[in-house]
């Protein structure tokens, strides 16, 4: 079959993982972690009513003051889910699905056949398809400038910047070297294993005495605000700008990441995101 003839039904994942509007956010989040997925469909009495993604959780969970946030087991899926998701038919061209992802700024579409959900196509599904594995060119052909934060920037600053720019953030050390990367996944799950009191991370004796950066709050006795360094994924997976796209795609698959930090001679020069590759498919 010619690559241009691939349709949603050829590349979709099935069966889909679903939750009800009344399920807790904790249940939905655990489902994502257990099955290594980035979204779940919201089904009410067999009817598709919404979709819940890591991005929904990451941004909406950080609304308002940290001490006012409720635990995930006290929040319902309905409060965070996006209603009326964009859907496609099984016969929709895969290239057209890539275009929908870019136009709507979404990462997955349920596949609906005569009112019945038969699967889902995500960016991950596209990345495994022949539309992507056949791409030519180099990293520097499609990479973009990297948005950066210092490892000591506060959580509030990180969230505000990610929402404003709609970008992943490369975290740097004070000397400018790459320390890690922050994505929506980090926002959604960074606090799962932290000991907290009222949303503040308590400092362990002898740990982390330095704290600077725009958007940070003054330290209170005995505690310290969460910073970019606390929530980042480290080390970031790096690649050279002259590397082929095929090498980059293979590295994303093997390392199970969606973003590569582009470094030349130990200097940050950009970032290659999964979206940059899907844009090439959508052209």
C-alpha atoms as a PDB file:
ATOM      1  CA  UNK A   1       0.000   0.000   0.000  1.00  0.00           C
ATOM      2  CA  UNK A   2       1.388   3.452  -0.922  1.00  0.00           C
ATOM      3  CA  UNK A   3       2.273   5.575   2.088  1.00  0.00           C
ATOM      4  CA  UNK A   4      -0.039   8.317   0.849  1.00  0.00           C
ATOM      5  CA  UNK A   5      -2.977   5.891   1.082  1.00  0.00           C
ATOM      6  CA  UNK A   6      -2.595   5.157   4.797  1.00  0.00           C
ATOM      7  CA  UNK A   7      -5.800   5.911   6.727  1.00  0.00           C
ATOM      8  CA  UNK A   8      -6.693   6.292  10.381  1.00  0.00           C
ATOM      9  CA  UNK A   9      -7.951   2.719  10.557  1.00  0.00           C
ATOM     10  CA  UNK A  10      -4.521   1.454   9.454  1.00  0.00           C
ATOM     11  CA  UNK A  11      -2.534   3.145  12.221  1.00  0.00           C
ATOM     12  CA  UNK A  12      -4.988   3.548  15.120  1.00  0.00           C
ATOM     13  CA  UNK A  13      -4.562   1.900  18.519  1.00  0.00           C
ATOM     14  CA  UNK A  14      -7.357  -0.385  19.668  1.00  0.00           C
ATOM     15  CA  UNK A  15      -8.970  -1.108  22.078  1.00  0.00           C
ATOM     16  CA  UNK A  16      -9.017   2.286  23.753  1.00  0.00           C
ATOM     17  CA  UNK A  17      -8.665   3.061  27.444  1.00  0.00           C
ATOM     18  CA  UNK A  18     -11.619   4.922  28.884  1.00  0.00           C
ATOM     19  CA  UNK A  19     -12.881   6.359  32.155  1.00  0.00           C
ATOM     20  CA  UNK A  20     -16.234   7.730  33.255  1.00  0.00           C
ATOM     21  CA  UNK A  21     -16.884  11.389  34.114  1.00  0.00           C
ATOM     22  CA  UNK A  22     -17.385  10.351  37.760  1.00  0.00           C
ATOM     23  CA  UNK A  23     -14.039   8.539  38.075  1.00  0.00           C
ATOM     24  CA  UNK A  24     -11.335  10.298  40.057  1.00  0.00           C
ATOM     25  CA  UNK A  25      -8.411  12.101  38.502  1.00  0.00           C
ATOM     26  CA  UNK A  26      -6.134   9.767  40.472  1.00  0.00           C
ATOM     27  CA  UNK A  27      -7.707   6.749  38.758  1.00  0.00           C
ATOM     28  CA  UNK A  28      -7.294   8.285  35.293  1.00  0.00           C
ATOM     29  CA  UNK A  29      -3.716   9.333  36.011  1.00  0.00           C
ATOM     30  CA  UNK A  30      -2.811   5.871  37.287  1.00  0.00           C
ATOM     31  CA  UNK A  31      -4.316   4.369  34.137  1.00  0.00           C
ATOM     32  CA  UNK A  32      -2.054   6.578  32.019  1.00  0.00           C
ATOM     33  CA  UNK A  33       1.014   5.593  34.029  1.00  0.00           C
ATOM     34  CA  UNK A  34       0.213   1.865  34.046  1.00  0.00           C
ATOM     35  CA  UNK A  35      -0.379   1.654  30.309  1.00  0.00           C
ATOM     36  CA  UNK A  36       2.159   4.319  29.267  1.00  0.00           C
ATOM     37  CA  UNK A  37      -0.437   6.411  27.468  1.00  0.00           C
ATOM     38  CA  UNK A  38      -0.958  10.160  27.315  1.00  0.00           C
ATOM     39  CA  UNK A  39      -4.756  10.328  27.183  1.00  0.00           C
ATOM     40  CA  UNK A  40      -7.928   8.432  28.021  1.00  0.00           C
ATOM     41  CA  UNK A  41     -11.367   8.767  26.517  1.00  0.00           C
ATOM     42  CA  UNK A  42     -14.269   9.804  28.732  1.00  0.00           C
ATOM     43  CA  UNK A  43     -17.296   7.576  28.192  1.00  0.00           C
ATOM     44  CA  UNK A  44     -20.696   8.034  29.849  1.00  0.00           C
ATOM     45  CA  UNK A  45     -23.100   5.104  29.437  1.00  0.00           C
ATOM     46  CA  UNK A  46     -21.288   4.050  26.266  1.00  0.00           C
ATOM     47  CA  UNK A  47     -21.270   7.534  24.750  1.00  0.00           C
ATOM     48  CA  UNK A  48     -18.081   9.469  24.088  1.00  0.00           C
ATOM     49  CA  UNK A  49     -18.317  12.740  26.027  1.00  0.00           C
ATOM     50  CA  UNK A  50     -14.730  13.944  26.310  1.00  0.00           C
ATOM     51  CA  UNK A  51     -11.036  13.252  26.453  1.00  0.00           C
ATOM     52  CA  UNK A  52      -8.537  13.674  29.290  1.00  0.00           C
ATOM     53  CA  UNK A  53      -4.863  14.222  28.512  1.00  0.00           C
ATOM     54  CA  UNK A  54      -1.646  14.710  30.442  1.00  0.00           C
ATOM     55  CA  UNK A  55      -1.707  18.301  29.222  1.00  0.00           C
ATOM     56  CA  UNK A  56      -5.173  18.820  30.748  1.00  0.00           C
ATOM     57  CA  UNK A  57      -3.927  17.476  34.059  1.00  0.00           C
ATOM     58  CA  UNK A  58      -0.613  19.317  33.979  1.00  0.00           C
ATOM     59  CA  UNK A  59      -2.053  22.770  33.357  1.00  0.00           C
ATOM     60  CA  UNK A  60      -5.342  22.550  35.218  1.00  0.00           C
ATOM     61  CA  UNK A  61      -3.830  20.974  38.314  1.00  0.00           C
ATOM     62  CA  UNK A  62      -1.585  24.005  38.737  1.00  0.00           C
ATOM     63  CA  UNK A  63      -4.418  26.564  38.726  1.00  0.00           C
ATOM     64  CA  UNK A  64      -4.508  28.832  41.732  1.00  0.00           C
ATOM     65  CA  UNK A  65      -2.479  28.726  44.903  1.00  0.00           C
ATOM     66  CA  UNK A  66      -0.795  25.410  45.637  1.00  0.00           C
ATOM     67  CA  UNK A  67      -2.320  25.145  49.099  1.00  0.00           C
ATOM     68  CA  UNK A  68      -5.822  25.354  47.622  1.00  0.00           C
ATOM     69  CA  UNK A  69      -5.372  22.394  45.296  1.00  0.00           C
ATOM     70  CA  UNK A  70      -7.317  19.269  46.144  1.00  0.00           C
ATOM     71  CA  UNK A  71      -5.731  15.810  46.059  1.00  0.00           C
ATOM     72  CA  UNK A  72      -6.211  13.914  42.805  1.00  0.00           C
ATOM     73  CA  UNK A  73      -8.467  11.384  44.514  1.00  0.00           C
ATOM     74  CA  UNK A  74     -10.914  14.175  45.354  1.00  0.00           C
ATOM     75  CA  UNK A  75     -11.207  15.541  41.791  1.00  0.00           C
ATOM     76  CA  UNK A  76     -13.490  14.006  39.177  1.00  0.00           C
ATOM     77  CA  UNK A  77     -12.500  13.402  35.575  1.00  0.00           C
ATOM     78  CA  UNK A  78     -15.371  15.671  34.457  1.00  0.00           C
ATOM     79  CA  UNK A  79     -13.674  18.671  36.088  1.00  0.00           C
ATOM     80  CA  UNK A  80     -10.484  18.343  34.007  1.00  0.00           C
ATOM     81  CA  UNK A  81     -11.573  16.622  30.781  1.00  0.00           C
ATOM     82  CA  UNK A  82     -11.990  18.435  27.481  1.00  0.00           C
ATOM     83  CA  UNK A  83     -15.565  17.924  26.201  1.00  0.00           C
ATOM     84  CA  UNK A  84     -16.613  17.206  22.611  1.00  0.00           C
ATOM     85  CA  UNK A  85     -13.253  15.951  21.280  1.00  0.00           C
ATOM     86  CA  UNK A  86     -12.381  16.133  17.601  1.00  0.00           C
ATOM     87  CA  UNK A  87     -13.031  12.723  16.010  1.00  0.00           C
ATOM     88  CA  UNK A  88     -12.191  11.124  12.667  1.00  0.00           C
ATOM     89  CA  UNK A  89     -13.622   8.277  10.616  1.00  0.00           C
ATOM     90  CA  UNK A  90     -11.581   5.098  10.003  1.00  0.00           C
ATOM     91  CA  UNK A  91     -11.145   6.120   6.359  1.00  0.00           C
ATOM     92  CA  UNK A  92      -9.629   9.542   7.083  1.00  0.00           C
ATOM     93  CA  UNK A  93      -6.189   9.812   5.464  1.00  0.00           C
ATOM     94  CA  UNK A  94      -3.359   9.583   8.011  1.00  0.00           C
ATOM     95  CA  UNK A  95      -1.768  12.641   6.422  1.00  0.00           C
ATOM     96  CA  UNK A  96      -5.005  14.543   7.076  1.00  0.00           C
ATOM     97  CA  UNK A  97      -4.925  13.398  10.712  1.00  0.00           C
ATOM     98  CA  UNK A  98      -1.439  14.886  11.015  1.00  0.00           C
ATOM     99  CA  UNK A  99      -2.855  18.140   9.693  1.00  0.00           C
ATOM    100  CA  UNK A 100      -5.655  18.057  12.286  1.00  0.00           C
ATOM    101  CA  UNK A 101      -3.092  17.604  15.060  1.00  0.00           C
ATOM    102  CA  UNK A 102      -1.218  20.693  13.933  1.00  0.00           C
ATOM    103  CA  UNK A 103      -4.270  22.852  13.174  1.00  0.00           C
ATOM    104  CA  UNK A 104      -6.147  22.033  16.393  1.00  0.00           C
ATOM    105  CA  UNK A 105      -3.053  21.746  18.609  1.00  0.00           C
ATOM    106  CA  UNK A 106      -4.135  18.331  19.887  1.00  0.00           C
ATOM    107  CA  UNK A 107      -2.296  15.037  20.251  1.00  0.00           C
ATOM    108  CA  UNK A 108      -4.960  12.418  19.622  1.00  0.00           C
ATOM    109  CA  UNK A 109      -8.302  11.829  17.908  1.00  0.00           C
ATOM    110  CA  UNK A 110     -10.829   9.067  18.631  1.00  0.00           C
ATOM    111  CA  UNK A 111     -11.741   7.004  15.590  1.00  0.00           C
ATOM    112  CA  UNK A 112     -15.516   6.724  15.345  1.00  0.00           C
ATOM    113  CA  UNK A 113     -17.345   4.456  12.911  1.00  0.00           C
ATOM    114  CA  UNK A 114     -21.088   5.111  12.649  1.00  0.00           C
ATOM    115  CA  UNK A 115     -21.262   6.357  16.222  1.00  0.00           C
ATOM    116  CA  UNK A 116     -19.072   3.622  17.712  1.00  0.00           C
ATOM    117  CA  UNK A 117     -15.552   4.303  19.005  1.00  0.00           C
ATOM    118  CA  UNK A 118     -13.274   1.771  17.304  1.00  0.00           C
ATOM    119  CA  UNK A 119      -9.866   3.153  18.249  1.00  0.00           C
ATOM    120  CA  UNK A 120      -7.701   6.226  18.685  1.00  0.00           C
ATOM    121  CA  UNK A 121      -4.931   7.772  16.613  1.00  0.00           C
ATOM    122  CA  UNK A 122      -2.280   9.628  18.583  1.00  0.00           C
ATOM    123  CA  UNK A 123       0.915  11.361  17.630  1.00  0.00           C
ATOM    124  CA  UNK A 124       2.724   8.268  18.875  1.00  0.00           C
ATOM    125  CA  UNK A 125       0.796   6.144  16.363  1.00  0.00           C
ATOM    126  CA  UNK A 126       1.789   8.521  13.577  1.00  0.00           C
ATOM    127  CA  UNK A 127       5.432   8.390  14.661  1.00  0.00           C
ATOM    128  CA  UNK A 128       5.411   4.603  14.183  1.00  0.00           C
ATOM    129  CA  UNK A 129       3.837   4.804  10.730  1.00  0.00           C
ATOM    130  CA  UNK A 130       5.533   4.685   7.341  1.00  0.00           C
ATOM    131  CA  UNK A 131       4.664   8.370   6.906  1.00  0.00           C
ATOM    132  CA  UNK A 132       7.373   9.153   9.462  1.00  0.00           C
ATOM    133  CA  UNK A 133       9.822   6.306   9.001  1.00  0.00           C
ATOM    134  CA  UNK A 134      10.274   7.355   5.387  1.00  0.00           C
ATOM    135  CA  UNK A 135      11.192  10.992   6.090  1.00  0.00           C
ATOM    136  CA  UNK A 136      14.508  12.306   4.792  1.00  0.00           C
ATOM    137  CA  UNK A 137      16.636  15.252   5.889  1.00  0.00           C
ATOM    138  CA  UNK A 138      18.579  16.269   8.989  1.00  0.00           C
ATOM    139  CA  UNK A 139      17.721  17.496  12.460  1.00  0.00           C
ATOM    140  CA  UNK A 140      18.774  21.058  11.660  1.00  0.00           C
ATOM    141  CA  UNK A 141      16.280  21.122   8.783  1.00  0.00           C
ATOM    142  CA  UNK A 142      13.268  20.931  11.119  1.00  0.00           C
ATOM    143  CA  UNK A 143      14.453  21.745  14.659  1.00  0.00           C
ATOM    144  CA  UNK A 144      13.355  24.941  16.407  1.00  0.00           C
ATOM    145  CA  UNK A 145      14.784  27.335  18.944  1.00  0.00           C
ATOM    146  CA  UNK A 146      14.694  26.072  22.509  1.00  0.00           C
ATOM    147  CA  UNK A 147      12.832  27.893  25.276  1.00  0.00           C
ATOM    148  CA  UNK A 148      14.902  27.753  28.459  1.00  0.00           C
ATOM    149  CA  UNK A 149      14.564  28.177  32.197  1.00  0.00           C
ATOM    150  CA  UNK A 150      17.166  28.025  34.926  1.00  0.00           C
ATOM    151  CA  UNK A 151      16.974  25.012  37.228  1.00  0.00           C
ATOM    152  CA  UNK A 152      16.115  27.357  40.131  1.00  0.00           C
ATOM    153  CA  UNK A 153      13.075  28.956  38.487  1.00  0.00           C
ATOM    154  CA  UNK A 154       9.881  28.366  40.445  1.00  0.00           C
ATOM    155  CA  UNK A 155       7.018  26.077  39.512  1.00  0.00           C
ATOM    156  CA  UNK A 156       4.779  29.131  39.021  1.00  0.00           C
ATOM    157  CA  UNK A 157       7.241  30.606  36.523  1.00  0.00           C
ATOM    158  CA  UNK A 158       7.548  27.294  34.668  1.00  0.00           C
ATOM    159  CA  UNK A 159       3.772  26.818  34.352  1.00  0.00           C
ATOM    160  CA  UNK A 160       3.191  30.419  33.247  1.00  0.00           C
ATOM    161  CA  UNK A 161       5.904  30.207  30.591  1.00  0.00           C
ATOM    162  CA  UNK A 162       4.723  26.854  29.238  1.00  0.00           C
ATOM    163  CA  UNK A 163       1.130  28.087  28.978  1.00  0.00           C
ATOM    164  CA  UNK A 164       2.171  31.376  27.372  1.00  0.00           C
ATOM    165  CA  UNK A 165       4.567  29.860  24.821  1.00  0.00           C
ATOM    166  CA  UNK A 166       2.956  26.404  24.522  1.00  0.00           C
ATOM    167  CA  UNK A 167       6.428  24.892  24.480  1.00  0.00           C
ATOM    168  CA  UNK A 168       8.574  22.353  26.232  1.00  0.00           C
ATOM    169  CA  UNK A 169      11.313  23.906  28.349  1.00  0.00           C
ATOM    170  CA  UNK A 170      14.998  23.054  28.379  1.00  0.00           C
ATOM    171  CA  UNK A 171      16.394  23.472  31.888  1.00  0.00           C
ATOM    172  CA  UNK A 172      19.885  24.914  32.196  1.00  0.00           C
ATOM    173  CA  UNK A 173      22.458  25.081  34.959  1.00  0.00           C
ATOM    174  CA  UNK A 174      23.963  28.383  36.070  1.00  0.00           C
ATOM    175  CA  UNK A 175      26.834  27.887  33.601  1.00  0.00           C
ATOM    176  CA  UNK A 176      24.408  27.474  30.676  1.00  0.00           C
ATOM    177  CA  UNK A 177      24.869  23.734  30.305  1.00  0.00           C
ATOM    178  CA  UNK A 178      21.809  21.523  29.771  1.00  0.00           C
ATOM    179  CA  UNK A 179      20.396  20.120  33.021  1.00  0.00           C
ATOM    180  CA  UNK A 180      17.180  18.521  31.788  1.00  0.00           C
ATOM    181  CA  UNK A 181      13.826  19.086  30.097  1.00  0.00           C
ATOM    182  CA  UNK A 182      10.280  19.822  31.279  1.00  0.00           C
ATOM    183  CA  UNK A 183       7.179  18.680  29.380  1.00  0.00           C
ATOM    184  CA  UNK A 184       3.470  18.428  30.175  1.00  0.00           C
ATOM    185  CA  UNK A 185       4.160  14.968  31.604  1.00  0.00           C
ATOM    186  CA  UNK A 186       6.407  16.495  34.243  1.00  0.00           C
ATOM    187  CA  UNK A 187       3.680  18.976  35.166  1.00  0.00           C
ATOM    188  CA  UNK A 188       1.067  16.245  35.421  1.00  0.00           C
ATOM    189  CA  UNK A 189       3.046  13.774  37.515  1.00  0.00           C
ATOM    190  CA  UNK A 190       5.893  15.610  39.244  1.00  0.00           C
ATOM    191  CA  UNK A 191       4.293  15.610  42.688  1.00  0.00           C
ATOM    192  CA  UNK A 192       3.325  11.939  42.934  1.00  0.00           C
ATOM    193  CA  UNK A 193       6.266  10.868  45.087  1.00  0.00           C
ATOM    194  CA  UNK A 194       6.887  14.080  47.008  1.00  0.00           C
ATOM    195  CA  UNK A 195       6.267  14.592  50.680  1.00  0.00           C
ATOM    196  CA  UNK A 196       4.044  17.648  50.929  1.00  0.00           C
ATOM    197  CA  UNK A 197       2.332  19.817  53.459  1.00  0.00           C
ATOM    198  CA  UNK A 198      -0.181  22.283  52.033  1.00  0.00           C
ATOM    199  CA  UNK A 199       1.403  22.011  48.585  1.00  0.00           C
ATOM    200  CA  UNK A 200       4.899  22.981  49.792  1.00  0.00           C
ATOM    201  CA  UNK A 201       7.823  20.601  49.538  1.00  0.00           C
ATOM    202  CA  UNK A 202       9.650  20.339  52.842  1.00  0.00           C
ATOM    203  CA  UNK A 203      13.399  20.494  52.655  1.00  0.00           C
ATOM    204  CA  UNK A 204      15.366  17.597  54.046  1.00  0.00           C
ATOM    205  CA  UNK A 205      18.276  18.422  56.358  1.00  0.00           C
ATOM    206  CA  UNK A 206      21.405  19.289  54.424  1.00  0.00           C
ATOM    207  CA  UNK A 207      19.646  19.398  51.051  1.00  0.00           C
ATOM    208  CA  UNK A 208      19.244  22.279  48.564  1.00  0.00           C
ATOM    209  CA  UNK A 209      20.299  25.522  50.190  1.00  0.00           C
ATOM    210  CA  UNK A 210      20.595  27.581  46.996  1.00  0.00           C
ATOM    211  CA  UNK A 211      17.466  29.091  45.462  1.00  0.00           C
ATOM    212  CA  UNK A 212      17.239  31.906  42.932  1.00  0.00           C
ATOM    213  CA  UNK A 213      15.280  32.795  39.808  1.00  0.00           C
ATOM    214  CA  UNK A 214      12.479  34.923  38.421  1.00  0.00           C
ATOM    215  CA  UNK A 215       9.012  34.013  39.481  1.00  0.00           C
ATOM    216  CA  UNK A 216      10.175  32.441  42.726  1.00  0.00           C
ATOM    217  CA  UNK A 217       8.594  32.987  46.111  1.00  0.00           C
ATOM    218  CA  UNK A 218      10.573  33.824  49.255  1.00  0.00           C
ATOM    219  CA  UNK A 219      11.608  30.791  51.240  1.00  0.00           C
ATOM    220  CA  UNK A 220       9.680  30.263  54.436  1.00  0.00           C
ATOM    221  CA  UNK A 221      11.444  28.735  57.426  1.00  0.00           C
ATOM    222  CA  UNK A 222      11.735  24.986  57.027  1.00  0.00           C
ATOM    223  CA  UNK A 223      10.417  24.766  53.480  1.00  0.00           C
ATOM    224  CA  UNK A 224      11.277  25.704  49.924  1.00  0.00           C
ATOM    225  CA  UNK A 225       9.151  26.149  46.763  1.00  0.00           C
ATOM    226  CA  UNK A 226       9.233  23.531  44.031  1.00  0.00           C
ATOM    227  CA  UNK A 227      11.640  24.522  41.259  1.00  0.00           C
ATOM    228  CA  UNK A 228      12.316  23.556  37.653  1.00  0.00           C
ATOM    229  CA  UNK A 229      15.169  21.370  38.870  1.00  0.00           C
ATOM    230  CA  UNK A 230      12.768  19.390  41.061  1.00  0.00           C
ATOM    231  CA  UNK A 231      10.370  18.500  38.270  1.00  0.00           C
ATOM    232  CA  UNK A 232      12.604  18.169  35.187  1.00  0.00           C
ATOM    233  CA  UNK A 233      13.542  14.933  33.452  1.00  0.00           C
ATOM    234  CA  UNK A 234      17.292  14.541  33.651  1.00  0.00           C
ATOM    235  CA  UNK A 235      19.454  13.889  31.813  1.00  0.00           C
ATOM    236  CA  UNK A 236      17.868  15.163  28.610  1.00  0.00           C
ATOM    237  CA  UNK A 237      18.465  13.035  25.514  1.00  0.00           C
ATOM    238  CA  UNK A 238      20.631  15.021  23.101  1.00  0.00           C
ATOM    239  CA  UNK A 239      21.444  14.869  19.421  1.00  0.00           C
ATOM    240  CA  UNK A 240      23.661  16.770  16.992  1.00  0.00           C
ATOM    241  CA  UNK A 241      22.079  19.120  14.411  1.00  0.00           C
ATOM    242  CA  UNK A 242      23.720  17.298  11.495  1.00  0.00           C
ATOM    243  CA  UNK A 243      22.196  13.950  12.476  1.00  0.00           C
ATOM    244  CA  UNK A 244      19.637  12.472  10.113  1.00  0.00           C
ATOM    245  CA  UNK A 245      15.944  12.592  10.911  1.00  0.00           C
ATOM    246  CA  UNK A 246      15.926   8.803  10.762  1.00  0.00           C
ATOM    247  CA  UNK A 247      18.561   8.662  13.499  1.00  0.00           C
ATOM    248  CA  UNK A 248      16.537  11.148  15.556  1.00  0.00           C
ATOM    249  CA  UNK A 249      13.294   9.195  15.098  1.00  0.00           C
ATOM    250  CA  UNK A 250      15.050   5.975  16.059  1.00  0.00           C
ATOM    251  CA  UNK A 251      16.464   7.645  19.169  1.00  0.00           C
ATOM    252  CA  UNK A 252      13.013   8.895  20.176  1.00  0.00           C
ATOM    253  CA  UNK A 253      11.671   5.360  19.849  1.00  0.00           C
ATOM    254  CA  UNK A 254      14.509   3.654  21.714  1.00  0.00           C
ATOM    255  CA  UNK A 255      14.583   6.205  24.544  1.00  0.00           C
ATOM    256  CA  UNK A 256      10.780   6.521  24.636  1.00  0.00           C
ATOM    257  CA  UNK A 257      10.887  10.323  24.457  1.00  0.00           C
ATOM    258  CA  UNK A 258       9.105  12.887  22.293  1.00  0.00           C
ATOM    259  CA  UNK A 259      11.762  15.595  22.406  1.00  0.00           C
ATOM    260  CA  UNK A 260      15.491  15.724  21.750  1.00  0.00           C
ATOM    261  CA  UNK A 261      17.711  18.566  22.889  1.00  0.00           C
ATOM    262  CA  UNK A 262      19.991  19.629  20.037  1.00  0.00           C
ATOM    263  CA  UNK A 263      23.560  20.260  21.141  1.00  0.00           C
ATOM    264  CA  UNK A 264      26.648  21.171  19.130  1.00  0.00           C
ATOM    265  CA  UNK A 265      30.089  21.300  20.769  1.00  0.00           C
ATOM    266  CA  UNK A 266      28.425  21.120  24.207  1.00  0.00           C
ATOM    267  CA  UNK A 267      26.322  24.215  23.374  1.00  0.00           C
ATOM    268  CA  UNK A 268      22.512  24.236  23.246  1.00  0.00           C
ATOM    269  CA  UNK A 269      21.398  25.113  19.726  1.00  0.00           C
ATOM    270  CA  UNK A 270      17.753  24.029  19.631  1.00  0.00           C
ATOM    271  CA  UNK A 271      15.158  21.351  20.272  1.00  0.00           C
ATOM    272  CA  UNK A 272      13.630  18.711  18.024  1.00  0.00           C
ATOM    273  CA  UNK A 273      10.080  17.912  19.020  1.00  0.00           C
ATOM    274  CA  UNK A 274       7.756  15.213  17.825  1.00  0.00           C
ATOM    275  CA  UNK A 275       5.526  18.030  16.554  1.00  0.00           C
ATOM    276  CA  UNK A 276       8.322  19.261  14.275  1.00  0.00           C
ATOM    277  CA  UNK A 277       8.410  15.851  12.632  1.00  0.00           C
ATOM    278  CA  UNK A 278       4.619  15.584  12.350  1.00  0.00           C
ATOM    279  CA  UNK A 279       4.559  19.009  10.692  1.00  0.00           C
ATOM    280  CA  UNK A 280       6.733  17.536   7.959  1.00  0.00           C
ATOM    281  CA  UNK A 281       4.199  14.735   7.487  1.00  0.00           C
ATOM    282  CA  UNK A 282       1.304  17.190   7.326  1.00  0.00           C
ATOM    283  CA  UNK A 283       2.858  19.278   4.530  1.00  0.00           C
END
